[in-house]
């Protein structure tokens, strides 16, 4: 067994790409939103070439939604006003584009549903037998709906999602704040917690928070990339740890 679970007091999981394959839904929603926006944008010096998966991993993956929009636009040499979270999806603001993407995600989730990764469920089963507190730490505001759709809603001590982070004023990943809050909710300290992440920004958050163990799940970012970001251990599937 590569991890001795008794050496830790809680396990903090990212959601999309770690417990459920909703990362692919997010990727499709981001691609549809950005491609439509970029194809219609015209300003001097802006890079409006088609959005790619490389853009997702470099600028969007694991971050709060509006931060992902802002970072991608910055990389493309495009400046938009931040706007307000209440902006309609049609607004050409950072918040408007983020809301446009969220609408696309919800359409796909409602239409197709989601099934948790079998290996991830197997690990959750092991941790439940050990009576290990577990939490979800996700930048997505859709985390509760995804957990409900996947049949996992009753598994966790707490769910620290994008809405909770905004309400409490917690900085998003790659800052460690949301993981630290989840650790506290589980009655543990960061040094005694395991962070499980598939996104570079999330792995960096775990490393920045001096958590006891940071596990990277390679769903496409690359084992070397996750290790360089601070993962202590990288696996292809969480079933390998069950």
Foldseek 3Di string as FASTA:
>chain_A
DVDDLVLFQEEEEAPDPAWWVCVVLLVVLLQVLLLVVLVPDDDPQFASPHDDVVLCQPQNPQWQLLSSLVRSRVVRVHDAAQDDCVDDCVDPHSNNSSVSSVVSSVVCCVVPFIETDPLSVVVLVVCVVVVHAYEYEGADPCVCVNCVSHVNNPSHLYYHYNVNCVVVVNHGFVAQRSVQVRQVSSVHGQLRYEYEEAGLRVLLNNQNRNHVAYEHADPPSDPVSSVVSPHPYYDPGNSVVD
